[in-house]
Amino acid sequence: MNKDVRVAIIGASGRMGRQLITTTTHTKGVLLGAAIVRKGSSFSGKDAGELAKYENLGVSITDDLKLVMNDFDILIDFTHPDRTLKNLELCLQYHKPMVIGTTGLDKQSQEFIKESAKEIALVYSSNFSIGINLLLKLVEKTTKIIGSDSDIEIIEAHHRHKADSPSGTAQKISATISNEMNWNLDPHTLQAAPDIHGSRTKNTIGLSSIRAGDIIGDHTVMFANIGERIEISHKASNRIIFAKGALKAARWLKAYKTGFFDMIDVLNLHDI
């Protein structure tokens, strides 16, 4: 029995799409089943290897996801919110599991993804880096111990082309802190650090976003107290970390027919 999982990569000509194709070529247990680009893309009809500056992979690029629904087991989607939702609707129709790494999804869209997991298996994460998910657990533990005594700040930085702000990862970090502190803060409303012209408001999380150069992704969580502060940081230097995580999630997800999961589930970090 073939245990390899066949993945389809949508948004194949983008930064993450190209990285996913490249990483797929040297990842055991994963095969590239399909590569999908935007309608009318000049890459349509060419071999997927061209997107990864690799030898021919024997997979013809298409601009129509519906035409290749039988060529893969799991769809990996790092595109845009509106496109991801359309892809999800098609995967529901064909009962195809998905790994979703798209950021910028609003609360309603995230609820739709969770509801869809009653019919298909889904891994949804704002960040597929193993390091970031370890950071989330460290933040959770630190919040539990000193959160009530600290002023908490999240500083995130990404490249100049990233459209959404704050990052999905920053929102996930803030949600982790809020849940631990029972603050019931909506991470979708956190846009900026507290007003620097006034005193600090209690039970708040400051959030600062930087968009500059080619920064792949930096996140720092600061727990500041009188006399000392703790900073927990993660810096991404190569998109391969996200691709490796997404492919790991795809291999893991193959065992499930339905269910909503994140990278904490994939990495089995709940009990740490």
Foldseek 3Di string as FASTA:
>chain_A
DQLAFEEEEEQLLDPLNLLLVLLQVPDPSYAHQAYEYAPPDPQAQPASCVSNVHPGRVYGYHNDPVVRPVRGQEYEDQDELVVVLVVLVVCLVVLHEYEYQHKPHDPVSVVVVQVSLVQFAYAYDVFLFPLLVVLLVVLLVVCLPCVQQFAKEKEKEAAQPDDDPPGRSSLVSVVSNCVSVVLPDRSVPQGAAPDPVDDDDPPDYGYHYYYHHHFHMKMWMWTDHPPDIDIDIDGDDDSNSRSVSSVLVSSVRSVDSGDYHYSCVSVVVPVD
